[in-house]
N, C-alpha and C. Protein backbone atom coordinates (compact mmCIF):
# COMPACT_ATOMS: atom_id res chain seq x y z
N UNK A 1 67.07 154.05 18.66
CA UNK A 1 67.78 152.90 18.14
C UNK A 1 68.72 152.31 19.19
N UNK A 2 69.41 153.20 19.91
CA UNK A 2 70.33 152.73 20.94
C UNK A 2 69.58 152.04 22.07
N UNK A 3 68.40 152.59 22.45
CA UNK A 3 67.59 151.96 23.48
C UNK A 3 67.12 150.58 23.05
N UNK A 4 66.73 150.44 21.76
CA UNK A 4 66.30 149.14 21.26
C UNK A 4 67.43 148.13 21.36
N UNK A 5 68.64 148.54 20.99
CA UNK A 5 69.79 147.65 21.07
C UNK A 5 70.03 147.21 22.52
N UNK A 6 70.00 148.15 23.45
CA UNK A 6 70.21 147.84 24.86
C UNK A 6 69.10 146.93 25.40
N UNK A 7 67.88 147.20 24.98
CA UNK A 7 66.75 146.38 25.41
C UNK A 7 66.92 144.95 24.92
N UNK A 8 67.27 144.78 23.65
CA UNK A 8 67.44 143.44 23.08
C UNK A 8 68.59 142.70 23.77
N UNK A 9 69.68 143.39 24.04
CA UNK A 9 70.81 142.75 24.74
C UNK A 9 70.37 142.28 26.13
N UNK A 10 69.64 143.11 26.82
CA UNK A 10 69.14 142.75 28.15
C UNK A 10 68.21 141.55 28.06
N UNK A 11 67.29 141.59 27.11
CA UNK A 11 66.33 140.49 26.97
C UNK A 11 67.04 139.19 26.57
N UNK A 12 68.03 139.28 25.70
CA UNK A 12 68.77 138.08 25.31
C UNK A 12 69.56 137.51 26.49
N UNK A 13 70.08 138.38 27.36
CA UNK A 13 70.73 137.89 28.59
C UNK A 13 69.74 137.08 29.43
N UNK A 14 68.50 137.53 29.47
CA UNK A 14 67.48 136.83 30.25
C UNK A 14 67.10 135.50 29.59
N UNK A 15 67.09 135.46 28.27
CA UNK A 15 66.86 134.19 27.57
C UNK A 15 67.95 133.20 27.95
N UNK A 16 69.21 133.65 27.91
CA UNK A 16 70.33 132.77 28.22
C UNK A 16 70.30 132.29 29.67
N UNK A 17 69.98 133.16 30.62
CA UNK A 17 69.95 132.74 32.02
C UNK A 17 68.79 131.78 32.26
N UNK A 18 67.69 131.95 31.53
CA UNK A 18 66.60 130.97 31.64
C UNK A 18 67.03 129.64 31.05
N UNK A 19 67.82 129.66 29.97
CA UNK A 19 68.37 128.41 29.43
C UNK A 19 69.27 127.74 30.46
N UNK A 20 70.08 128.54 31.15
CA UNK A 20 70.94 128.01 32.22
C UNK A 20 70.09 127.36 33.31
N UNK A 21 69.01 128.03 33.67
CA UNK A 21 68.14 127.52 34.73
C UNK A 21 67.52 126.18 34.32
N UNK A 22 67.06 126.10 33.08
CA UNK A 22 66.50 124.85 32.57
C UNK A 22 67.54 123.74 32.63
N UNK A 23 68.74 124.03 32.12
CA UNK A 23 69.82 123.03 32.12
C UNK A 23 70.18 122.61 33.55
N UNK A 24 70.19 123.57 34.46
CA UNK A 24 70.52 123.26 35.85
C UNK A 24 69.50 122.36 36.51
N UNK A 25 68.22 122.66 36.31
CA UNK A 25 67.19 121.82 36.92
C UNK A 25 67.11 120.45 36.24
N UNK A 26 67.37 120.39 34.93
CA UNK A 26 67.40 119.08 34.26
C UNK A 26 68.53 118.23 34.84
N UNK A 27 69.66 118.85 35.07
CA UNK A 27 70.80 118.14 35.66
C UNK A 27 70.46 117.68 37.08
N UNK A 28 69.81 118.55 37.84
CA UNK A 28 69.41 118.19 39.20
C UNK A 28 68.46 116.99 39.20
N UNK A 29 67.51 116.99 38.28
CA UNK A 29 66.57 115.87 38.17
C UNK A 29 67.33 114.57 37.90
N UNK A 30 68.30 114.63 37.01
CA UNK A 30 69.08 113.44 36.69
C UNK A 30 69.92 112.95 37.86
N UNK A 31 70.31 113.84 38.76
CA UNK A 31 71.16 113.47 39.89
C UNK A 31 70.36 113.01 41.11
N UNK A 32 69.07 113.32 41.14
CA UNK A 32 68.26 112.93 42.30
C UNK A 32 68.06 111.42 42.32
N UNK A 33 68.03 110.91 43.51
CA UNK A 33 67.77 109.49 43.69
C UNK A 33 66.29 109.21 43.45
N UNK A 34 65.95 107.94 43.40
CA UNK A 34 64.57 107.53 43.10
C UNK A 34 63.54 108.07 44.08
N UNK A 35 63.95 108.35 45.32
CA UNK A 35 63.01 108.81 46.32
C UNK A 35 62.72 110.32 46.22
N UNK A 36 63.22 110.95 45.18
CA UNK A 36 63.04 112.39 45.03
C UNK A 36 61.93 112.77 44.06
N UNK A 37 60.86 111.95 43.99
CA UNK A 37 59.78 112.20 43.02
C UNK A 37 59.12 113.57 43.20
N UNK A 38 58.84 113.93 44.45
CA UNK A 38 58.20 115.24 44.70
C UNK A 38 59.12 116.38 44.27
N UNK A 39 60.38 116.23 44.58
CA UNK A 39 61.37 117.24 44.21
C UNK A 39 61.50 117.33 42.69
N UNK A 40 61.50 116.19 42.04
CA UNK A 40 61.58 116.17 40.58
C UNK A 40 60.39 116.90 39.97
N UNK A 41 59.20 116.69 40.53
CA UNK A 41 58.01 117.38 40.03
C UNK A 41 58.13 118.89 40.21
N UNK A 42 58.67 119.31 41.34
CA UNK A 42 58.89 120.74 41.58
C UNK A 42 59.84 121.31 40.54
N UNK A 43 60.94 120.57 40.28
CA UNK A 43 61.92 121.03 39.30
C UNK A 43 61.33 121.07 37.89
N UNK A 44 60.51 120.09 37.56
CA UNK A 44 59.85 120.08 36.23
C UNK A 44 58.97 121.32 36.09
N UNK A 45 58.28 121.69 37.16
CA UNK A 45 57.45 122.90 37.12
C UNK A 45 58.30 124.16 36.91
N UNK A 46 59.47 124.21 37.57
CA UNK A 46 60.37 125.35 37.39
C UNK A 46 60.90 125.41 35.96
N UNK A 47 61.19 124.25 35.39
CA UNK A 47 61.64 124.19 33.99
C UNK A 47 60.54 124.73 33.07
N UNK A 48 59.31 124.32 33.34
CA UNK A 48 58.18 124.82 32.54
C UNK A 48 58.03 126.33 32.65
N UNK A 49 58.24 126.86 33.85
CA UNK A 49 58.18 128.31 34.04
C UNK A 49 59.23 129.00 33.17
N UNK A 50 60.46 128.49 33.20
CA UNK A 50 61.53 129.13 32.42
C UNK A 50 61.27 129.02 30.91
N UNK A 51 60.70 127.92 30.47
CA UNK A 51 60.33 127.83 29.05
C UNK A 51 59.30 128.90 28.70
N UNK A 52 58.32 129.08 29.59
CA UNK A 52 57.29 130.10 29.35
C UNK A 52 57.91 131.50 29.36
N UNK A 53 58.80 131.76 30.33
CA UNK A 53 59.46 133.06 30.40
C UNK A 53 60.24 133.34 29.14
N UNK A 54 60.97 132.34 28.66
CA UNK A 54 61.76 132.50 27.43
C UNK A 54 60.85 132.85 26.25
N UNK A 55 59.71 132.18 26.15
CA UNK A 55 58.79 132.44 25.04
C UNK A 55 58.24 133.87 25.12
N UNK A 56 57.90 134.30 26.32
CA UNK A 56 57.40 135.67 26.49
C UNK A 56 58.47 136.69 26.10
N UNK A 57 59.70 136.44 26.53
CA UNK A 57 60.80 137.35 26.21
C UNK A 57 61.12 137.30 24.72
N UNK A 58 61.14 136.10 24.16
CA UNK A 58 61.43 135.93 22.73
C UNK A 58 60.40 136.66 21.87
N UNK A 59 59.16 136.65 22.31
CA UNK A 59 58.10 137.36 21.58
C UNK A 59 58.42 138.86 21.53
N UNK A 60 58.91 139.40 22.63
CA UNK A 60 59.26 140.83 22.67
C UNK A 60 60.48 141.12 21.80
N UNK A 61 61.47 140.23 21.81
CA UNK A 61 62.65 140.41 20.97
C UNK A 61 62.25 140.40 19.49
N UNK A 62 61.42 139.43 19.13
CA UNK A 62 60.96 139.33 17.75
C UNK A 62 60.16 140.57 17.34
N UNK A 63 59.34 141.09 18.26
CA UNK A 63 58.55 142.29 17.98
C UNK A 63 59.46 143.49 17.71
N UNK A 64 60.65 143.46 18.31
CA UNK A 64 61.62 144.54 18.07
C UNK A 64 62.44 144.28 16.81
N UNK A 65 62.13 143.16 16.13
CA UNK A 65 62.79 142.85 14.87
C UNK A 65 64.20 142.32 15.00
N UNK A 66 64.52 141.74 16.11
CA UNK A 66 65.88 141.26 16.36
C UNK A 66 65.90 139.75 16.53
N UNK A 67 67.12 139.18 16.53
CA UNK A 67 67.31 137.74 16.68
C UNK A 67 67.38 137.36 18.15
N UNK A 68 66.92 136.15 18.43
CA UNK A 68 66.89 135.62 19.79
C UNK A 68 68.11 134.73 19.99
N UNK A 69 68.78 134.93 21.12
CA UNK A 69 69.94 134.11 21.47
C UNK A 69 69.49 132.69 21.78
N UNK A 70 70.38 131.75 21.50
CA UNK A 70 70.14 130.36 21.85
C UNK A 70 71.33 129.88 22.67
N UNK A 71 71.21 128.72 23.26
CA UNK A 71 72.30 128.17 24.05
C UNK A 71 72.21 128.65 25.48
N UNK A 72 73.35 128.56 26.15
CA UNK A 72 73.44 128.98 27.54
C UNK A 72 74.57 129.99 27.66
N UNK A 73 74.59 130.69 28.76
CA UNK A 73 75.62 131.71 28.96
C UNK A 73 76.95 131.08 29.32
N UNK A 74 78.02 131.80 29.06
CA UNK A 74 79.35 131.32 29.41
C UNK A 74 79.46 131.09 30.91
N UNK A 75 78.91 132.00 31.70
CA UNK A 75 78.99 131.82 33.16
C UNK A 75 78.21 130.59 33.60
N UNK A 76 77.09 130.31 32.93
CA UNK A 76 76.31 129.11 33.25
C UNK A 76 77.09 127.85 32.93
N UNK A 77 77.80 127.83 31.81
CA UNK A 77 78.62 126.67 31.44
C UNK A 77 79.75 126.48 32.44
N UNK A 78 80.36 127.58 32.86
CA UNK A 78 81.44 127.49 33.85
C UNK A 78 80.91 126.95 35.18
N UNK A 79 79.73 127.41 35.56
CA UNK A 79 79.12 126.95 36.81
C UNK A 79 78.85 125.45 36.75
N UNK A 80 78.29 124.96 35.63
CA UNK A 80 78.01 123.53 35.50
C UNK A 80 79.29 122.70 35.50
N UNK A 81 80.36 123.21 34.90
CA UNK A 81 81.64 122.51 34.93
C UNK A 81 82.14 122.41 36.36
N UNK A 82 82.01 123.50 37.11
CA UNK A 82 82.42 123.48 38.50
C UNK A 82 81.57 122.49 39.29
N UNK A 83 80.27 122.43 39.01
CA UNK A 83 79.39 121.49 39.69
C UNK A 83 79.82 120.05 39.42
N UNK A 84 80.18 119.77 38.17
CA UNK A 84 80.63 118.42 37.82
C UNK A 84 81.86 118.04 38.63
N UNK A 85 82.79 118.97 38.74
CA UNK A 85 84.01 118.72 39.50
C UNK A 85 83.70 118.54 40.98
N UNK A 86 82.86 119.40 41.52
CA UNK A 86 82.48 119.32 42.93
C UNK A 86 81.76 118.00 43.21
N UNK A 87 80.88 117.59 42.30
CA UNK A 87 80.12 116.35 42.48
C UNK A 87 81.04 115.14 42.50
N UNK A 88 82.10 115.19 41.73
CA UNK A 88 83.05 114.07 41.71
C UNK A 88 83.66 113.86 43.09
N UNK A 89 83.78 114.92 43.88
CA UNK A 89 84.34 114.82 45.21
C UNK A 89 83.28 114.63 46.29
N UNK A 90 82.12 115.23 46.11
CA UNK A 90 81.10 115.24 47.17
C UNK A 90 79.96 114.25 46.97
N UNK A 91 79.80 113.70 45.81
CA UNK A 91 78.63 112.88 45.56
C UNK A 91 77.43 113.77 45.29
N UNK A 92 76.27 113.16 45.21
CA UNK A 92 75.06 113.91 44.84
C UNK A 92 74.00 113.77 45.92
N UNK A 93 74.27 114.30 47.11
CA UNK A 93 73.24 114.26 48.14
C UNK A 93 72.12 115.23 47.77
N UNK A 94 70.94 114.96 48.26
CA UNK A 94 69.81 115.85 48.00
C UNK A 94 70.12 117.25 48.51
N UNK A 95 70.76 117.33 49.66
CA UNK A 95 71.11 118.64 50.22
C UNK A 95 72.05 119.39 49.29
N UNK A 96 73.09 118.73 48.79
CA UNK A 96 74.05 119.42 47.90
C UNK A 96 73.39 119.81 46.58
N UNK A 97 72.48 118.98 46.08
CA UNK A 97 71.75 119.32 44.85
C UNK A 97 70.91 120.58 45.09
N UNK A 98 70.23 120.62 46.22
CA UNK A 98 69.40 121.79 46.54
C UNK A 98 70.25 123.04 46.77
N UNK A 99 71.43 122.87 47.36
CA UNK A 99 72.33 124.01 47.52
C UNK A 99 72.70 124.60 46.15
N UNK A 100 73.02 123.73 45.22
CA UNK A 100 73.39 124.20 43.88
C UNK A 100 72.21 124.81 43.15
N UNK A 101 71.02 124.26 43.36
CA UNK A 101 69.82 124.85 42.76
C UNK A 101 69.58 126.25 43.33
N UNK A 102 69.80 126.40 44.63
CA UNK A 102 69.63 127.71 45.23
C UNK A 102 70.66 128.70 44.67
N UNK A 103 71.88 128.24 44.47
CA UNK A 103 72.91 129.08 43.88
C UNK A 103 72.46 129.56 42.49
N UNK A 104 71.90 128.65 41.70
CA UNK A 104 71.38 129.01 40.38
C UNK A 104 70.23 130.00 40.46
N UNK A 105 69.35 129.79 41.44
CA UNK A 105 68.22 130.70 41.63
C UNK A 105 68.71 132.09 42.05
N UNK A 106 69.77 132.13 42.86
CA UNK A 106 70.37 133.42 43.22
C UNK A 106 70.87 134.14 41.96
N UNK A 107 71.49 133.38 41.06
CA UNK A 107 72.04 133.97 39.83
C UNK A 107 70.95 134.54 38.94
N UNK A 108 69.85 133.81 38.77
CA UNK A 108 68.79 134.32 37.89
C UNK A 108 68.10 135.52 38.55
N UNK A 109 67.92 135.50 39.87
CA UNK A 109 67.34 136.66 40.55
C UNK A 109 68.20 137.89 40.33
N UNK A 110 69.51 137.72 40.46
CA UNK A 110 70.44 138.84 40.27
C UNK A 110 70.38 139.37 38.83
N UNK A 111 70.31 138.47 37.86
CA UNK A 111 70.25 138.88 36.46
C UNK A 111 68.97 139.67 36.17
N UNK A 112 67.86 139.20 36.71
CA UNK A 112 66.60 139.93 36.52
C UNK A 112 66.66 141.29 37.21
N UNK A 113 67.24 141.35 38.41
CA UNK A 113 67.32 142.63 39.10
C UNK A 113 68.19 143.61 38.33
N UNK A 114 69.30 143.13 37.78
CA UNK A 114 70.17 143.97 36.97
C UNK A 114 69.41 144.50 35.75
N UNK A 115 68.64 143.62 35.12
CA UNK A 115 67.86 144.04 33.95
C UNK A 115 66.85 145.12 34.35
N UNK A 116 66.17 144.92 35.46
CA UNK A 116 65.15 145.88 35.89
C UNK A 116 65.76 147.18 36.40
N UNK A 117 67.00 147.13 36.86
CA UNK A 117 67.68 148.35 37.31
C UNK A 117 68.15 149.21 36.14
N UNK A 118 68.24 148.60 34.96
CA UNK A 118 68.66 149.34 33.77
C UNK A 118 67.60 150.34 33.34
N UNK A 119 68.01 151.28 32.52
CA UNK A 119 67.10 152.36 32.13
C UNK A 119 66.49 152.16 30.74
N UNK A 120 66.96 151.15 30.01
CA UNK A 120 66.58 151.02 28.60
C UNK A 120 65.22 150.36 28.39
N UNK A 121 64.68 149.70 29.38
CA UNK A 121 63.47 148.91 29.17
C UNK A 121 62.20 149.75 29.11
N UNK A 122 61.39 149.52 28.09
CA UNK A 122 60.08 150.17 28.05
C UNK A 122 59.20 149.64 29.19
N UNK A 123 58.22 150.42 29.58
CA UNK A 123 57.36 150.08 30.72
C UNK A 123 56.67 148.72 30.55
N UNK A 124 56.19 148.41 29.35
CA UNK A 124 55.47 147.15 29.16
C UNK A 124 56.39 145.94 29.32
N UNK A 125 57.66 146.07 28.95
CA UNK A 125 58.62 144.98 29.14
C UNK A 125 59.02 144.91 30.61
N UNK A 126 59.18 146.05 31.24
CA UNK A 126 59.51 146.08 32.66
C UNK A 126 58.41 145.37 33.47
N UNK A 127 57.16 145.58 33.09
CA UNK A 127 56.04 144.94 33.76
C UNK A 127 56.10 143.41 33.59
N UNK A 128 56.40 142.95 32.38
CA UNK A 128 56.55 141.52 32.09
C UNK A 128 57.66 140.92 32.96
N UNK A 129 58.81 141.57 33.00
CA UNK A 129 59.96 141.06 33.74
C UNK A 129 59.72 141.09 35.25
N UNK A 130 58.99 142.10 35.72
CA UNK A 130 58.66 142.18 37.15
C UNK A 130 57.77 141.01 37.55
N UNK A 131 56.84 140.66 36.70
CA UNK A 131 55.96 139.50 36.96
C UNK A 131 56.79 138.21 36.99
N UNK A 132 57.69 138.05 36.02
CA UNK A 132 58.54 136.87 35.99
C UNK A 132 59.44 136.83 37.23
N UNK A 133 59.98 137.98 37.59
CA UNK A 133 60.87 138.07 38.75
C UNK A 133 60.14 137.64 40.03
N UNK A 134 58.90 138.02 40.16
CA UNK A 134 58.11 137.64 41.33
C UNK A 134 57.99 136.12 41.41
N UNK A 135 57.73 135.49 40.29
CA UNK A 135 57.65 134.04 40.22
C UNK A 135 59.00 133.41 40.59
N UNK A 136 60.09 133.99 40.09
CA UNK A 136 61.43 133.46 40.37
C UNK A 136 61.79 133.60 41.86
N UNK A 137 61.38 134.70 42.47
CA UNK A 137 61.64 134.87 43.90
C UNK A 137 60.91 133.79 44.71
N UNK A 138 59.68 133.49 44.34
CA UNK A 138 58.92 132.44 45.03
C UNK A 138 59.59 131.08 44.83
N UNK A 139 60.08 130.82 43.63
CA UNK A 139 60.79 129.56 43.36
C UNK A 139 62.06 129.47 44.20
N UNK A 140 62.78 130.57 44.28
CA UNK A 140 64.00 130.60 45.11
C UNK A 140 63.66 130.27 46.56
N UNK A 141 62.62 130.89 47.07
CA UNK A 141 62.22 130.66 48.45
C UNK A 141 61.82 129.20 48.67
N UNK A 142 61.18 128.59 47.68
CA UNK A 142 60.81 127.18 47.75
C UNK A 142 62.06 126.31 47.82
N UNK A 143 63.02 126.57 46.94
CA UNK A 143 64.26 125.78 46.92
C UNK A 143 64.99 125.95 48.26
N UNK A 144 65.06 127.18 48.76
CA UNK A 144 65.75 127.44 50.03
C UNK A 144 65.07 126.69 51.18
N UNK A 145 63.75 126.71 51.22
CA UNK A 145 63.01 126.01 52.27
C UNK A 145 63.23 124.50 52.17
N UNK A 146 63.23 123.99 50.96
CA UNK A 146 63.49 122.56 50.76
C UNK A 146 64.89 122.20 51.23
N UNK A 147 65.86 123.04 50.87
CA UNK A 147 67.25 122.80 51.28
C UNK A 147 67.37 122.82 52.80
N UNK A 148 66.73 123.80 53.43
CA UNK A 148 66.79 123.92 54.88
C UNK A 148 66.13 122.74 55.58
N UNK A 149 65.20 122.08 54.89
CA UNK A 149 64.49 120.95 55.48
C UNK A 149 65.17 119.60 55.29
N UNK A 150 66.28 119.59 54.56
CA UNK A 150 67.00 118.34 54.29
C UNK A 150 68.26 118.29 55.13
N UNK A 151 68.47 117.16 55.75
CA UNK A 151 69.70 116.98 56.54
C UNK A 151 70.89 116.87 55.61
N UNK A 152 72.05 117.30 56.11
CA UNK A 152 73.28 117.24 55.32
C UNK A 152 73.57 115.81 55.04
């Protein structure tokens, strides 16, 4: 019973961080200038990935007979508030948008690693999260490469 509770808490944390990721990329899309069509498409794909990840995780939470968290995490809300404040001073250059996207990708990678480092997860859930984590690492590397390719 205690393992189930810990597993559900971990999975709900991952639902919330995926919600944060979706909100972050939606915000980035809104801030990109008209010439950022390719970047917008990349971000839309990342949003789709996080929706799929959430559904996969939610299926496991439901199978354990528990409720699925909704909304975004407190840390995600604080990060977006900070971004709003920073943007008021810095504007919305493509480089700064990509920097913030990379920061968000770092956060979700860390959350997944923390979840996988925990001992409560059954092997089949660990396998699911490892697959998602691999996808997230590739997305992070894409964002980092895009950021590195854009002039300040």
